[in-house]
Amino acid sequence: MSTESTPSASAVRASNDVRAVIRRLRRKVRAAAADDGFVFARMSVLGQLMDNDHLTVSDLAAIEGMRHQSMAATIAGLAELGMVERRRDPEDGRRLLIGLTAEGRRQAEAGRQARGEWLAGELEHKCTEEERQTVIAAMAVLERLVRD
């Protein structure tokens, strides 16, 4: 944002509305895939490792906005469940890299599928075709904002 001018009232309202809706939507989407008490932090870590395999505990803590100790506990729990494994970094033997096991990958994929199915179902049942087309157009606008 430029420091030369103040954003218009519509830009401020759009910003507030988008952030509020994304926050609520994220909670609902995450809850759609939660089962057997599998906590959100664990699902999120599995998702991060699906996209960026072989991260360190510090990397994951920074991405998730958690303290290192909290992330280490989350990773320990996932390791006990057989979802992740720790390996020495071949380039720096002092570092431990966290990667998904086959079961961790299966759980992460199942979670993503459940979240996608929930959202598609909600869009199908609660929106008209015209509204779904509006959502598609709005997502293209938001995508433009996040492109580098």
N, C-alpha and C. Protein backbone atom coordinates (compact mmCIF):
# COMPACT_ATOMS: atom_id res chain seq x y z
N MET A 1 0.84 -1.17 0.00
CA MET A 1 0.00 0.00 0.00
C MET A 1 0.88 1.23 0.00
N SER A 2 0.50 2.19 -0.76
CA SER A 2 1.26 3.43 -0.87
C SER A 2 1.04 4.28 0.37
N THR A 3 2.10 4.95 0.81
CA THR A 3 1.96 5.85 1.97
C THR A 3 1.48 7.22 1.53
N GLU A 4 1.34 7.45 0.23
CA GLU A 4 0.93 8.75 -0.29
C GLU A 4 -0.55 9.02 -0.11
N SER A 5 -1.39 8.00 -0.09
CA SER A 5 -2.82 8.23 0.03
C SER A 5 -3.44 7.22 0.99
N THR A 6 -4.57 7.62 1.52
CA THR A 6 -5.30 6.73 2.42
C THR A 6 -6.24 5.89 1.57
N PRO A 7 -6.42 4.63 1.96
CA PRO A 7 -7.34 3.79 1.18
C PRO A 7 -8.77 4.31 1.25
N SER A 8 -9.50 4.06 0.21
CA SER A 8 -10.90 4.48 0.18
C SER A 8 -11.70 3.68 1.21
N ALA A 9 -12.88 4.19 1.52
CA ALA A 9 -13.76 3.50 2.46
C ALA A 9 -14.11 2.10 1.95
N SER A 10 -14.29 1.99 0.63
CA SER A 10 -14.64 0.68 0.08
C SER A 10 -13.46 -0.30 0.18
N ALA A 11 -12.23 0.20 0.03
CA ALA A 11 -11.05 -0.66 0.17
C ALA A 11 -10.92 -1.15 1.61
N VAL A 12 -11.16 -0.26 2.57
CA VAL A 12 -11.09 -0.65 3.99
C VAL A 12 -12.17 -1.67 4.31
N ARG A 13 -13.40 -1.42 3.83
CA ARG A 13 -14.48 -2.37 4.09
C ARG A 13 -14.19 -3.71 3.43
N ALA A 14 -13.74 -3.70 2.19
CA ALA A 14 -13.42 -4.96 1.50
C ALA A 14 -12.35 -5.72 2.27
N SER A 15 -11.33 -5.01 2.73
CA SER A 15 -10.26 -5.64 3.50
C SER A 15 -10.81 -6.30 4.76
N ASN A 16 -11.60 -5.57 5.50
CA ASN A 16 -12.18 -6.12 6.74
C ASN A 16 -13.08 -7.31 6.46
N ASP A 17 -13.93 -7.19 5.44
CA ASP A 17 -14.85 -8.27 5.10
C ASP A 17 -14.12 -9.53 4.65
N VAL A 18 -13.13 -9.36 3.78
CA VAL A 18 -12.37 -10.52 3.27
C VAL A 18 -11.68 -11.24 4.42
N ARG A 19 -11.00 -10.48 5.28
CA ARG A 19 -10.28 -11.11 6.40
C ARG A 19 -11.22 -11.83 7.35
N ALA A 20 -12.36 -11.22 7.64
CA ALA A 20 -13.32 -11.85 8.55
C ALA A 20 -13.89 -13.13 7.95
N VAL A 21 -14.26 -13.08 6.68
CA VAL A 21 -14.83 -14.26 6.04
C VAL A 21 -13.79 -15.37 5.92
N ILE A 22 -12.57 -15.01 5.54
CA ILE A 22 -11.52 -16.03 5.42
C ILE A 22 -11.27 -16.70 6.77
N ARG A 23 -11.24 -15.93 7.83
CA ARG A 23 -11.03 -16.48 9.17
C ARG A 23 -12.12 -17.49 9.52
N ARG A 24 -13.40 -17.11 9.31
CA ARG A 24 -14.51 -18.01 9.63
C ARG A 24 -14.54 -19.21 8.69
N LEU A 25 -14.28 -18.97 7.41
CA LEU A 25 -14.28 -20.07 6.45
C LEU A 25 -13.18 -21.07 6.77
N ARG A 26 -12.03 -20.57 7.13
CA ARG A 26 -10.91 -21.46 7.47
C ARG A 26 -11.28 -22.36 8.65
N ARG A 27 -11.91 -21.79 9.67
CA ARG A 27 -12.33 -22.60 10.83
C ARG A 27 -13.31 -23.69 10.41
N LYS A 28 -14.29 -23.32 9.59
CA LYS A 28 -15.30 -24.29 9.17
C LYS A 28 -14.70 -25.38 8.27
N VAL A 29 -13.82 -24.99 7.36
CA VAL A 29 -13.19 -25.96 6.47
C VAL A 29 -12.33 -26.92 7.26
N ARG A 30 -11.56 -26.39 8.20
CA ARG A 30 -10.70 -27.25 9.03
C ARG A 30 -11.54 -28.20 9.87
N ALA A 31 -12.65 -27.72 10.42
CA ALA A 31 -13.50 -28.56 11.25
C ALA A 31 -14.15 -29.67 10.43
N ALA A 32 -14.36 -29.43 9.15
CA ALA A 32 -15.00 -30.44 8.29
C ALA A 32 -14.16 -31.70 8.18
N ALA A 33 -12.84 -31.59 8.35
CA ALA A 33 -11.96 -32.75 8.20
C ALA A 33 -11.51 -33.30 9.54
N ALA A 34 -11.92 -32.67 10.63
CA ALA A 34 -11.48 -33.12 11.95
C ALA A 34 -12.31 -34.32 12.38
N ASP A 35 -11.63 -35.39 12.70
CA ASP A 35 -12.33 -36.54 13.26
C ASP A 35 -11.40 -37.25 14.23
N ASP A 36 -11.96 -38.05 15.07
CA ASP A 36 -11.19 -38.80 16.07
C ASP A 36 -10.30 -37.89 16.91
N GLY A 37 -10.72 -36.67 17.14
CA GLY A 37 -9.94 -35.78 17.99
C GLY A 37 -8.63 -35.34 17.38
N PHE A 38 -8.47 -35.49 16.10
CA PHE A 38 -7.23 -35.09 15.44
C PHE A 38 -7.21 -33.57 15.39
N VAL A 39 -6.37 -32.96 16.21
CA VAL A 39 -6.41 -31.52 16.41
C VAL A 39 -5.94 -30.75 15.18
N PHE A 40 -6.42 -29.51 15.11
CA PHE A 40 -6.12 -28.65 13.97
C PHE A 40 -4.62 -28.48 13.74
N ALA A 41 -3.85 -28.29 14.79
CA ALA A 41 -2.40 -28.08 14.63
C ALA A 41 -1.77 -29.26 13.90
N ARG A 42 -2.18 -30.45 14.25
CA ARG A 42 -1.62 -31.64 13.60
C ARG A 42 -2.02 -31.69 12.13
N MET A 43 -3.29 -31.38 11.83
CA MET A 43 -3.73 -31.39 10.43
C MET A 43 -2.96 -30.35 9.63
N SER A 44 -2.74 -29.20 10.23
CA SER A 44 -2.04 -28.13 9.54
C SER A 44 -0.59 -28.52 9.26
N VAL A 45 0.06 -29.15 10.22
CA VAL A 45 1.45 -29.59 10.03
C VAL A 45 1.53 -30.62 8.91
N LEU A 46 0.60 -31.56 8.91
CA LEU A 46 0.59 -32.56 7.83
C LEU A 46 0.42 -31.88 6.48
N GLY A 47 -0.44 -30.89 6.42
CA GLY A 47 -0.64 -30.14 5.17
C GLY A 47 0.62 -29.41 4.75
N GLN A 48 1.31 -28.80 5.70
CA GLN A 48 2.57 -28.11 5.38
C GLN A 48 3.59 -29.08 4.83
N LEU A 49 3.66 -30.27 5.43
CA LEU A 49 4.64 -31.26 4.98
C LEU A 49 4.26 -31.86 3.63
N MET A 50 2.97 -31.86 3.30
CA MET A 50 2.56 -32.30 1.96
C MET A 50 3.12 -31.35 0.92
N ASP A 51 3.11 -30.05 1.24
CA ASP A 51 3.55 -29.04 0.29
C ASP A 51 5.06 -28.80 0.34
N ASN A 52 5.67 -29.02 1.49
CA ASN A 52 7.09 -28.71 1.69
C ASN A 52 7.75 -29.82 2.50
N ASP A 53 7.91 -30.96 1.90
CA ASP A 53 8.49 -32.09 2.63
C ASP A 53 9.89 -31.76 3.12
N HIS A 54 10.24 -32.33 4.23
CA HIS A 54 11.57 -32.22 4.82
C HIS A 54 11.88 -30.82 5.34
N LEU A 55 11.01 -30.35 6.22
CA LEU A 55 11.23 -29.10 6.94
C LEU A 55 11.77 -29.43 8.33
N THR A 56 12.35 -28.46 8.98
CA THR A 56 12.79 -28.64 10.36
C THR A 56 11.66 -28.23 11.30
N VAL A 57 11.81 -28.58 12.58
CA VAL A 57 10.84 -28.15 13.58
C VAL A 57 10.79 -26.62 13.60
N SER A 58 11.95 -25.98 13.51
CA SER A 58 11.99 -24.51 13.49
C SER A 58 11.25 -23.94 12.29
N ASP A 59 11.44 -24.56 11.12
CA ASP A 59 10.73 -24.12 9.91
C ASP A 59 9.22 -24.18 10.14
N LEU A 60 8.76 -25.34 10.63
CA LEU A 60 7.33 -25.54 10.85
C LEU A 60 6.78 -24.58 11.90
N ALA A 61 7.54 -24.35 12.96
CA ALA A 61 7.10 -23.42 14.01
C ALA A 61 6.92 -22.02 13.42
N ALA A 62 7.86 -21.60 12.59
CA ALA A 62 7.77 -20.27 11.98
C ALA A 62 6.57 -20.18 11.04
N ILE A 63 6.35 -21.20 10.23
CA ILE A 63 5.23 -21.20 9.28
C ILE A 63 3.90 -21.15 10.02
N GLU A 64 3.80 -21.93 11.10
CA GLU A 64 2.55 -22.03 11.84
C GLU A 64 2.37 -20.95 12.90
N GLY A 65 3.41 -20.15 13.12
CA GLY A 65 3.33 -19.12 14.14
C GLY A 65 3.26 -19.68 15.54
N MET A 66 4.00 -20.76 15.77
CA MET A 66 4.01 -21.42 17.08
C MET A 66 5.40 -21.30 17.69
N ARG A 67 5.46 -21.50 18.99
CA ARG A 67 6.76 -21.59 19.65
C ARG A 67 7.43 -22.90 19.25
N HIS A 68 8.74 -22.90 19.23
CA HIS A 68 9.51 -24.09 18.86
C HIS A 68 9.13 -25.28 19.74
N GLN A 69 9.00 -25.05 21.06
CA GLN A 69 8.69 -26.14 21.98
C GLN A 69 7.31 -26.73 21.69
N SER A 70 6.35 -25.89 21.36
CA SER A 70 5.00 -26.38 21.03
C SER A 70 5.03 -27.21 19.76
N MET A 71 5.79 -26.74 18.76
CA MET A 71 5.88 -27.50 17.52
C MET A 71 6.61 -28.82 17.75
N ALA A 72 7.65 -28.81 18.57
CA ALA A 72 8.37 -30.06 18.87
C ALA A 72 7.43 -31.07 19.50
N ALA A 73 6.53 -30.61 20.38
CA ALA A 73 5.57 -31.51 21.01
C ALA A 73 4.57 -32.04 19.97
N THR A 74 4.14 -31.18 19.06
CA THR A 74 3.23 -31.60 18.00
C THR A 74 3.89 -32.66 17.12
N ILE A 75 5.15 -32.43 16.75
CA ILE A 75 5.89 -33.39 15.92
C ILE A 75 6.07 -34.71 16.67
N ALA A 76 6.38 -34.64 17.95
CA ALA A 76 6.54 -35.86 18.74
C ALA A 76 5.25 -36.68 18.74
N GLY A 77 4.11 -35.99 18.88
CA GLY A 77 2.83 -36.69 18.83
C GLY A 77 2.56 -37.32 17.48
N LEU A 78 2.89 -36.60 16.42
CA LEU A 78 2.70 -37.15 15.07
C LEU A 78 3.64 -38.33 14.82
N ALA A 79 4.85 -38.26 15.36
CA ALA A 79 5.81 -39.37 15.21
C ALA A 79 5.29 -40.61 15.95
N GLU A 80 4.73 -40.41 17.14
CA GLU A 80 4.17 -41.54 17.90
C GLU A 80 3.03 -42.20 17.14
N LEU A 81 2.27 -41.40 16.39
CA LEU A 81 1.16 -41.94 15.59
C LEU A 81 1.63 -42.53 14.27
N GLY A 82 2.93 -42.42 13.99
CA GLY A 82 3.47 -42.97 12.73
C GLY A 82 3.18 -42.10 11.52
N MET A 83 2.93 -40.81 11.74
CA MET A 83 2.59 -39.91 10.64
C MET A 83 3.80 -39.20 10.05
N VAL A 84 4.82 -38.97 10.89
CA VAL A 84 6.03 -38.28 10.42
C VAL A 84 7.26 -39.06 10.88
N GLU A 85 8.35 -38.78 10.19
CA GLU A 85 9.63 -39.37 10.58
C GLU A 85 10.68 -38.27 10.55
N ARG A 86 11.68 -38.45 11.38
CA ARG A 86 12.78 -37.50 11.45
C ARG A 86 14.00 -38.14 10.80
N ARG A 87 14.69 -37.35 9.99
CA ARG A 87 15.92 -37.82 9.32
C ARG A 87 16.98 -36.75 9.40
N ARG A 88 18.20 -37.17 9.46
CA ARG A 88 19.33 -36.23 9.43
C ARG A 88 19.38 -35.59 8.05
N ASP A 89 19.65 -34.30 8.03
CA ASP A 89 19.84 -33.57 6.79
C ASP A 89 21.14 -34.05 6.16
N PRO A 90 21.10 -34.55 4.92
CA PRO A 90 22.34 -35.05 4.29
C PRO A 90 23.38 -33.96 4.08
N GLU A 91 22.93 -32.69 4.01
CA GLU A 91 23.86 -31.59 3.81
C GLU A 91 24.39 -31.00 5.12
N ASP A 92 23.65 -31.24 6.21
CA ASP A 92 24.06 -30.73 7.53
C ASP A 92 23.56 -31.72 8.57
N GLY A 93 24.42 -32.64 8.96
CA GLY A 93 24.06 -33.72 9.86
C GLY A 93 23.55 -33.27 11.22
N ARG A 94 23.70 -32.00 11.56
CA ARG A 94 23.20 -31.49 12.84
C ARG A 94 21.70 -31.23 12.79
N ARG A 95 21.17 -31.04 11.59
CA ARG A 95 19.75 -30.71 11.44
C ARG A 95 18.91 -31.97 11.26
N LEU A 96 17.73 -31.96 11.88
CA LEU A 96 16.76 -33.04 11.68
C LEU A 96 15.66 -32.53 10.76
N LEU A 97 15.40 -33.27 9.71
CA LEU A 97 14.33 -32.93 8.78
C LEU A 97 13.11 -33.78 9.10
N ILE A 98 11.95 -33.17 9.02
CA ILE A 98 10.69 -33.86 9.29
C ILE A 98 10.03 -34.16 7.95
N GLY A 99 9.65 -35.41 7.77
CA GLY A 99 8.97 -35.80 6.53
C GLY A 99 7.77 -36.67 6.84
N LEU A 100 6.84 -36.72 5.92
CA LEU A 100 5.66 -37.56 6.09
C LEU A 100 5.99 -39.02 5.86
N THR A 101 5.35 -39.88 6.63
CA THR A 101 5.38 -41.31 6.35
C THR A 101 4.24 -41.58 5.35
N ALA A 102 4.14 -42.81 4.89
CA ALA A 102 3.04 -43.16 3.99
C ALA A 102 1.69 -42.91 4.68
N GLU A 103 1.60 -43.24 5.97
CA GLU A 103 0.35 -43.02 6.71
C GLU A 103 0.08 -41.52 6.87
N GLY A 104 1.10 -40.75 7.14
CA GLY A 104 0.94 -39.30 7.26
C GLY A 104 0.45 -38.70 5.96
N ARG A 105 1.01 -39.16 4.85
CA ARG A 105 0.57 -38.67 3.53
C ARG A 105 -0.88 -39.06 3.28
N ARG A 106 -1.24 -40.28 3.64
CA ARG A 106 -2.62 -40.75 3.45
C ARG A 106 -3.59 -39.88 4.28
N GLN A 107 -3.22 -39.61 5.53
CA GLN A 107 -4.07 -38.78 6.39
C GLN A 107 -4.19 -37.36 5.85
N ALA A 108 -3.09 -36.80 5.40
CA ALA A 108 -3.11 -35.43 4.87
C ALA A 108 -3.98 -35.36 3.62
N GLU A 109 -3.83 -36.33 2.74
CA GLU A 109 -4.65 -36.35 1.51
C GLU A 109 -6.12 -36.54 1.84
N ALA A 110 -6.42 -37.41 2.80
CA ALA A 110 -7.81 -37.63 3.19
C ALA A 110 -8.40 -36.36 3.79
N GLY A 111 -7.62 -35.65 4.58
CA GLY A 111 -8.08 -34.39 5.15
C GLY A 111 -8.36 -33.35 4.09
N ARG A 112 -7.46 -33.24 3.13
CA ARG A 112 -7.67 -32.27 2.04
C ARG A 112 -8.92 -32.62 1.24
N GLN A 113 -9.10 -33.92 0.98
CA GLN A 113 -10.26 -34.33 0.21
C GLN A 113 -11.55 -34.02 0.98
N ALA A 114 -11.56 -34.31 2.27
CA ALA A 114 -12.75 -34.05 3.09
C ALA A 114 -13.07 -32.56 3.12
N ARG A 115 -12.04 -31.73 3.25
CA ARG A 115 -12.27 -30.28 3.28
C ARG A 115 -12.80 -29.79 1.94
N GLY A 116 -12.22 -30.29 0.85
CA GLY A 116 -12.69 -29.90 -0.48
C GLY A 116 -14.12 -30.34 -0.74
N GLU A 117 -14.44 -31.55 -0.33
CA GLU A 117 -15.81 -32.05 -0.52
C GLU A 117 -16.81 -31.25 0.30
N TRP A 118 -16.42 -30.89 1.55
CA TRP A 118 -17.33 -30.11 2.37
C TRP A 118 -17.63 -28.77 1.71
N LEU A 119 -16.58 -28.07 1.28
CA LEU A 119 -16.77 -26.75 0.70
C LEU A 119 -17.55 -26.83 -0.60
N ALA A 120 -17.25 -27.80 -1.45
CA ALA A 120 -18.01 -27.95 -2.70
C ALA A 120 -19.48 -28.23 -2.40
N GLY A 121 -19.75 -29.05 -1.40
CA GLY A 121 -21.13 -29.35 -1.02
C GLY A 121 -21.86 -28.11 -0.52
N GLU A 122 -21.18 -27.31 0.30
CA GLU A 122 -21.80 -26.08 0.81
C GLU A 122 -22.08 -25.12 -0.34
N LEU A 123 -21.14 -24.98 -1.26
CA LEU A 123 -21.35 -24.10 -2.41
C LEU A 123 -22.50 -24.61 -3.28
N GLU A 124 -22.61 -25.91 -3.44
CA GLU A 124 -23.67 -26.51 -4.25
C GLU A 124 -25.04 -26.28 -3.63
N HIS A 125 -25.15 -26.49 -2.32
CA HIS A 125 -26.45 -26.46 -1.66
C HIS A 125 -26.90 -25.08 -1.19
N LYS A 126 -25.95 -24.18 -0.96
CA LYS A 126 -26.32 -22.88 -0.39
C LYS A 126 -26.20 -21.72 -1.38
N CYS A 127 -25.68 -21.99 -2.56
CA CYS A 127 -25.47 -20.92 -3.54
C CYS A 127 -26.13 -21.27 -4.86
N THR A 128 -26.54 -20.23 -5.57
CA THR A 128 -27.05 -20.43 -6.93
C THR A 128 -25.85 -20.54 -7.87
N GLU A 129 -26.11 -20.93 -9.09
CA GLU A 129 -25.03 -20.99 -10.09
C GLU A 129 -24.42 -19.61 -10.28
N GLU A 130 -25.26 -18.59 -10.32
CA GLU A 130 -24.77 -17.22 -10.49
C GLU A 130 -23.84 -16.83 -9.32
N GLU A 131 -24.22 -17.20 -8.11
CA GLU A 131 -23.38 -16.89 -6.95
C GLU A 131 -22.05 -17.65 -7.01
N ARG A 132 -22.10 -18.90 -7.45
CA ARG A 132 -20.84 -19.66 -7.58
C ARG A 132 -19.93 -19.01 -8.62
N GLN A 133 -20.50 -18.50 -9.69
CA GLN A 133 -19.70 -17.80 -10.71
C GLN A 133 -19.12 -16.51 -10.13
N THR A 134 -19.87 -15.85 -9.27
CA THR A 134 -19.36 -14.64 -8.60
C THR A 134 -18.19 -14.99 -7.70
N VAL A 135 -18.29 -16.10 -6.97
CA VAL A 135 -17.19 -16.55 -6.11
C VAL A 135 -15.95 -16.83 -6.96
N ILE A 136 -16.13 -17.49 -8.09
CA ILE A 136 -15.00 -17.79 -8.98
C ILE A 136 -14.34 -16.48 -9.44
N ALA A 137 -15.16 -15.50 -9.83
CA ALA A 137 -14.61 -14.21 -10.27
C ALA A 137 -13.90 -13.50 -9.12
N ALA A 138 -14.48 -13.54 -7.92
CA ALA A 138 -13.86 -12.88 -6.76
C ALA A 138 -12.52 -13.55 -6.42
N MET A 139 -12.44 -14.86 -6.56
CA MET A 139 -11.18 -15.56 -6.27
C MET A 139 -10.10 -15.14 -7.26
N ALA A 140 -10.48 -14.88 -8.49
CA ALA A 140 -9.48 -14.40 -9.46
C ALA A 140 -8.95 -13.04 -9.05
N VAL A 141 -9.80 -12.18 -8.52
CA VAL A 141 -9.36 -10.86 -8.05
C VAL A 141 -8.42 -11.04 -6.86
N LEU A 142 -8.80 -11.88 -5.89
CA LEU A 142 -7.95 -12.10 -4.72
C LEU A 142 -6.62 -12.75 -5.11
N GLU A 143 -6.65 -13.62 -6.07
CA GLU A 143 -5.41 -14.26 -6.54
C GLU A 143 -4.45 -13.22 -7.09
N ARG A 144 -4.99 -12.23 -7.78
CA ARG A 144 -4.16 -11.14 -8.30
C ARG A 144 -3.44 -10.41 -7.17
N LEU A 145 -4.08 -10.29 -6.02
CA LEU A 145 -3.48 -9.59 -4.89
C LEU A 145 -2.30 -10.35 -4.28
N VAL A 146 -2.31 -11.66 -4.38
CA VAL A 146 -1.28 -12.45 -3.72
C VAL A 146 -0.15 -12.88 -4.66
N ARG A 147 -0.31 -12.64 -5.94
CA ARG A 147 0.77 -12.99 -6.87
C ARG A 147 1.97 -12.10 -6.63
N ASP A 148 3.14 -12.67 -6.72
CA ASP A 148 4.39 -11.90 -6.53
C ASP A 148 4.73 -11.07 -7.73
